């Protein structure tokens, strides 16, 4: 196998630990296998190690950024609103809102910011036009 970075024709199979770092968080993957260039140290993971690496990348990003879909669901439930009610409040269709909560679609950042503000200050629901009596009265 030829090195994709420097073109060296000899790659060496190695098993090594790999540490991922993202925004101050670190995660070490043990016994990662791949072919590495002895000249430039470029490496190519085998299939199993590649899958472990990509899953770990996604996990560390979620750990740092949080799980937005779970946050949206938690906020909605803490406000005691249905998906339909909250989707009406923020002017987004119920189907889109459901997809955000299931993690199928990434919600727009302004929506996430608005929901986090409303979570801290539930009285803002009235400010953005939601009538409390409509829910339970």
C-alpha atoms as a PDB file:
ATOM      1  CA  UNK A   1       0.000   0.000   0.000  1.00  0.00           C
ATOM      2  CA  UNK A   2       1.257   3.463  -0.917  1.00  0.00           C
ATOM      3  CA  UNK A   3       1.161   6.370   1.562  1.00  0.00           C
ATOM      4  CA  UNK A   4      -1.615   8.784   0.535  1.00  0.00           C
ATOM      5  CA  UNK A   5       0.260  11.761   2.011  1.00  0.00           C
ATOM      6  CA  UNK A   6       3.881  11.445   0.871  1.00  0.00           C
ATOM      7  CA  UNK A   7       3.783   8.632  -1.693  1.00  0.00           C
ATOM      8  CA  UNK A   8       6.165   6.325   0.205  1.00  0.00           C
ATOM      9  CA  UNK A   9       5.603   2.778  -1.063  1.00  0.00           C
ATOM     10  CA  UNK A  10       5.986   1.033   2.304  1.00  0.00           C
ATOM     11  CA  UNK A  11       3.278   1.191   4.944  1.00  0.00           C
ATOM     12  CA  UNK A  12       3.720  -0.603   8.276  1.00  0.00           C
ATOM     13  CA  UNK A  13       0.844  -2.280  10.153  1.00  0.00           C
ATOM     14  CA  UNK A  14       0.631  -1.034  13.745  1.00  0.00           C
ATOM     15  CA  UNK A  15      -1.677  -1.357  16.724  1.00  0.00           C
ATOM     16  CA  UNK A  16      -1.678   1.784  18.836  1.00  0.00           C
ATOM     17  CA  UNK A  17      -3.758   4.019  21.075  1.00  0.00           C
ATOM     18  CA  UNK A  18      -5.330   7.102  19.512  1.00  0.00           C
ATOM     19  CA  UNK A  19      -6.447  10.130  21.536  1.00  0.00           C
ATOM     20  CA  UNK A  20      -9.200  12.365  20.216  1.00  0.00           C
ATOM     21  CA  UNK A  21      -9.476  15.888  21.588  1.00  0.00           C
ATOM     22  CA  UNK A  22     -12.339  18.294  20.983  1.00  0.00           C
ATOM     23  CA  UNK A  23     -12.964  21.569  22.766  1.00  0.00           C
ATOM     24  CA  UNK A  24     -11.006  20.586  25.860  1.00  0.00           C
ATOM     25  CA  UNK A  25     -12.434  17.045  26.122  1.00  0.00           C
ATOM     26  CA  UNK A  26     -10.268  14.000  25.382  1.00  0.00           C
ATOM     27  CA  UNK A  27     -11.042  10.375  24.673  1.00  0.00           C
ATOM     28  CA  UNK A  28      -8.465   7.614  24.137  1.00  0.00           C
ATOM     29  CA  UNK A  29      -9.209   4.661  21.884  1.00  0.00           C
ATOM     30  CA  UNK A  30      -7.080   1.627  22.690  1.00  0.00           C
ATOM     31  CA  UNK A  31      -5.723  -1.011  20.310  1.00  0.00           C
ATOM     32  CA  UNK A  32      -6.483   0.821  17.089  1.00  0.00           C
ATOM     33  CA  UNK A  33      -5.112  -1.024  14.053  1.00  0.00           C
ATOM     34  CA  UNK A  34      -3.971   0.516  10.799  1.00  0.00           C
ATOM     35  CA  UNK A  35      -1.234   0.949   8.235  1.00  0.00           C
ATOM     36  CA  UNK A  36       1.210   3.784   8.901  1.00  0.00           C
ATOM     37  CA  UNK A  37       3.917   5.442   6.853  1.00  0.00           C
ATOM     38  CA  UNK A  38       7.369   5.247   8.478  1.00  0.00           C
ATOM     39  CA  UNK A  39       8.395   8.446   6.638  1.00  0.00           C
ATOM     40  CA  UNK A  40       5.573  10.902   7.457  1.00  0.00           C
ATOM     41  CA  UNK A  41       3.550   8.889  10.025  1.00  0.00           C
ATOM     42  CA  UNK A  42       0.324   9.222   8.013  1.00  0.00           C
ATOM     43  CA  UNK A  43      -2.032   6.379   8.805  1.00  0.00           C
ATOM     44  CA  UNK A  44      -5.054   4.546   7.461  1.00  0.00           C
ATOM     45  CA  UNK A  45      -7.232   2.687   9.975  1.00  0.00           C
ATOM     46  CA  UNK A  46      -8.559  -0.778   9.208  1.00  0.00           C
ATOM     47  CA  UNK A  47     -12.363  -1.024   8.863  1.00  0.00           C
ATOM     48  CA  UNK A  48     -13.119  -1.890  12.509  1.00  0.00           C
ATOM     49  CA  UNK A  49     -10.822   0.820  13.892  1.00  0.00           C
ATOM     50  CA  UNK A  50     -12.229   3.353  11.421  1.00  0.00           C
ATOM     51  CA  UNK A  51     -15.781   2.653  12.673  1.00  0.00           C
ATOM     52  CA  UNK A  52     -14.657   2.953  16.306  1.00  0.00           C
ATOM     53  CA  UNK A  53     -12.895   6.230  15.474  1.00  0.00           C
ATOM     54  CA  UNK A  54     -15.903   7.813  13.724  1.00  0.00           C
ATOM     55  CA  UNK A  55     -18.285   6.703  16.503  1.00  0.00           C
ATOM     56  CA  UNK A  56     -15.933   8.155  19.122  1.00  0.00           C
ATOM     57  CA  UNK A  57     -15.709  11.431  17.176  1.00  0.00           C
ATOM     58  CA  UNK A  58     -19.497  11.751  17.159  1.00  0.00           C
ATOM     59  CA  UNK A  59     -19.671  10.866  20.868  1.00  0.00           C
ATOM     60  CA  UNK A  60     -17.103  13.454  21.933  1.00  0.00           C
ATOM     61  CA  UNK A  61     -18.840  16.174  19.892  1.00  0.00           C
ATOM     62  CA  UNK A  62     -22.192  15.224  21.513  1.00  0.00           C
ATOM     63  CA  UNK A  63     -20.546  15.272  24.943  1.00  0.00           C
ATOM     64  CA  UNK A  64     -19.233  18.797  24.349  1.00  0.00           C
ATOM     65  CA  UNK A  65     -22.202  20.282  22.493  1.00  0.00           C
ATOM     66  CA  UNK A  66     -24.906  18.257  24.195  1.00  0.00           C
ATOM     67  CA  UNK A  67     -27.712  16.360  22.601  1.00  0.00           C
ATOM     68  CA  UNK A  68     -29.859  19.067  21.035  1.00  0.00           C
ATOM     69  CA  UNK A  69     -32.819  16.780  20.327  1.00  0.00           C
ATOM     70  CA  UNK A  70     -32.915  15.625  23.961  1.00  0.00           C
ATOM     71  CA  UNK A  71     -32.591  19.259  25.087  1.00  0.00           C
ATOM     72  CA  UNK A  72     -35.569  20.294  22.958  1.00  0.00           C
ATOM     73  CA  UNK A  73     -37.709  17.433  24.280  1.00  0.00           C
ATOM     74  CA  UNK A  74     -36.697  18.165  27.886  1.00  0.00           C
ATOM     75  CA  UNK A  75     -37.456  21.889  27.519  1.00  0.00           C
ATOM     76  CA  UNK A  76     -40.840  21.210  25.904  1.00  0.00           C
ATOM     77  CA  UNK A  77     -41.812  18.780  28.658  1.00  0.00           C
ATOM     78  CA  UNK A  78     -40.624  21.146  31.392  1.00  0.00           C
ATOM     79  CA  UNK A  79     -42.930  23.787  29.892  1.00  0.00           C
ATOM     80  CA  UNK A  80     -45.751  21.199  29.891  1.00  0.00           C
ATOM     81  CA  UNK A  81     -46.422  21.706  26.191  1.00  0.00           C
ATOM     82  CA  UNK A  82     -47.186  19.222  23.445  1.00  0.00           C
ATOM     83  CA  UNK A  83     -45.149  19.245  20.248  1.00  0.00           C
ATOM     84  CA  UNK A  84     -48.119  20.850  18.491  1.00  0.00           C
ATOM     85  CA  UNK A  85     -48.428  23.602  21.095  1.00  0.00           C
ATOM     86  CA  UNK A  86     -44.737  24.464  21.114  1.00  0.00           C
ATOM     87  CA  UNK A  87     -44.481  24.295  17.330  1.00  0.00           C
ATOM     88  CA  UNK A  88     -47.332  26.851  17.138  1.00  0.00           C
ATOM     89  CA  UNK A  89     -45.596  29.095  19.692  1.00  0.00           C
ATOM     90  CA  UNK A  90     -42.346  29.229  17.724  1.00  0.00           C
ATOM     91  CA  UNK A  91     -43.952  29.180  14.262  1.00  0.00           C
ATOM     92  CA  UNK A  92     -42.500  25.886  13.086  1.00  0.00           C
ATOM     93  CA  UNK A  93     -44.529  22.995  11.705  1.00  0.00           C
ATOM     94  CA  UNK A  94     -45.332  20.081  14.016  1.00  0.00           C
ATOM     95  CA  UNK A  95     -43.671  17.552  11.689  1.00  0.00           C
ATOM     96  CA  UNK A  96     -40.430  19.542  11.623  1.00  0.00           C
ATOM     97  CA  UNK A  97     -40.545  19.889  15.400  1.00  0.00           C
ATOM     98  CA  UNK A  98     -41.042  16.149  15.790  1.00  0.00           C
ATOM     99  CA  UNK A  99     -38.014  15.537  13.554  1.00  0.00           C
ATOM    100  CA  UNK A 100     -35.899  17.862  15.724  1.00  0.00           C
ATOM    101  CA  UNK A 101     -36.871  15.911  18.842  1.00  0.00           C
ATOM    102  CA  UNK A 102     -36.092  12.566  17.204  1.00  0.00           C
ATOM    103  CA  UNK A 103     -32.719  13.859  16.015  1.00  0.00           C
ATOM    104  CA  UNK A 104     -33.611  13.316  12.350  1.00  0.00           C
ATOM    105  CA  UNK A 105     -33.138  16.972  11.455  1.00  0.00           C
ATOM    106  CA  UNK A 106     -30.864  19.567  13.016  1.00  0.00           C
ATOM    107  CA  UNK A 107     -32.926  22.474  14.363  1.00  0.00           C
ATOM    108  CA  UNK A 108     -31.946  26.022  13.435  1.00  0.00           C
ATOM    109  CA  UNK A 109     -29.650  27.641  16.015  1.00  0.00           C
ATOM    110  CA  UNK A 110     -32.007  30.584  16.678  1.00  0.00           C
ATOM    111  CA  UNK A 111     -34.714  28.073  17.691  1.00  0.00           C
ATOM    112  CA  UNK A 112     -32.383  26.307  20.120  1.00  0.00           C
ATOM    113  CA  UNK A 113     -31.330  29.647  21.636  1.00  0.00           C
ATOM    114  CA  UNK A 114     -34.974  30.746  21.971  1.00  0.00           C
ATOM    115  CA  UNK A 115     -35.969  27.493  23.668  1.00  0.00           C
ATOM    116  CA  UNK A 116     -33.075  27.699  26.120  1.00  0.00           C
ATOM    117  CA  UNK A 117     -34.103  31.263  27.000  1.00  0.00           C
ATOM    118  CA  UNK A 118     -37.742  30.244  27.449  1.00  0.00           C
ATOM    119  CA  UNK A 119     -36.616  27.365  29.644  1.00  0.00           C
ATOM    120  CA  UNK A 120     -34.818  29.797  31.963  1.00  0.00           C
ATOM    121  CA  UNK A 121     -37.608  32.376  31.748  1.00  0.00           C
ATOM    122  CA  UNK A 122     -40.954  30.588  31.142  1.00  0.00           C
ATOM    123  CA  UNK A 123     -42.792  33.902  31.440  1.00  0.00           C
ATOM    124  CA  UNK A 124     -41.398  34.700  27.982  1.00  0.00           C
ATOM    125  CA  UNK A 125     -44.027  32.368  26.517  1.00  0.00           C
ATOM    126  CA  UNK A 126     -46.591  35.107  27.091  1.00  0.00           C
ATOM    127  CA  UNK A 127     -44.220  37.669  25.519  1.00  0.00           C
ATOM    128  CA  UNK A 128     -44.052  35.659  22.299  1.00  0.00           C
ATOM    129  CA  UNK A 129     -47.813  35.298  22.168  1.00  0.00           C
ATOM    130  CA  UNK A 130     -48.646  32.012  23.875  1.00  0.00           C
ATOM    131  CA  UNK A 131     -51.781  32.164  25.987  1.00  0.00           C
ATOM    132  CA  UNK A 132     -51.391  30.104  29.165  1.00  0.00           C
ATOM    133  CA  UNK A 133     -55.159  29.661  29.523  1.00  0.00           C
ATOM    134  CA  UNK A 134     -55.265  28.022  26.084  1.00  0.00           C
ATOM    135  CA  UNK A 135     -53.433  25.014  27.504  1.00  0.00           C
ATOM    136  CA  UNK A 136     -55.283  24.066  30.621  1.00  0.00           C
ATOM    137  CA  UNK A 137     -58.184  26.391  31.077  1.00  0.00           C
END
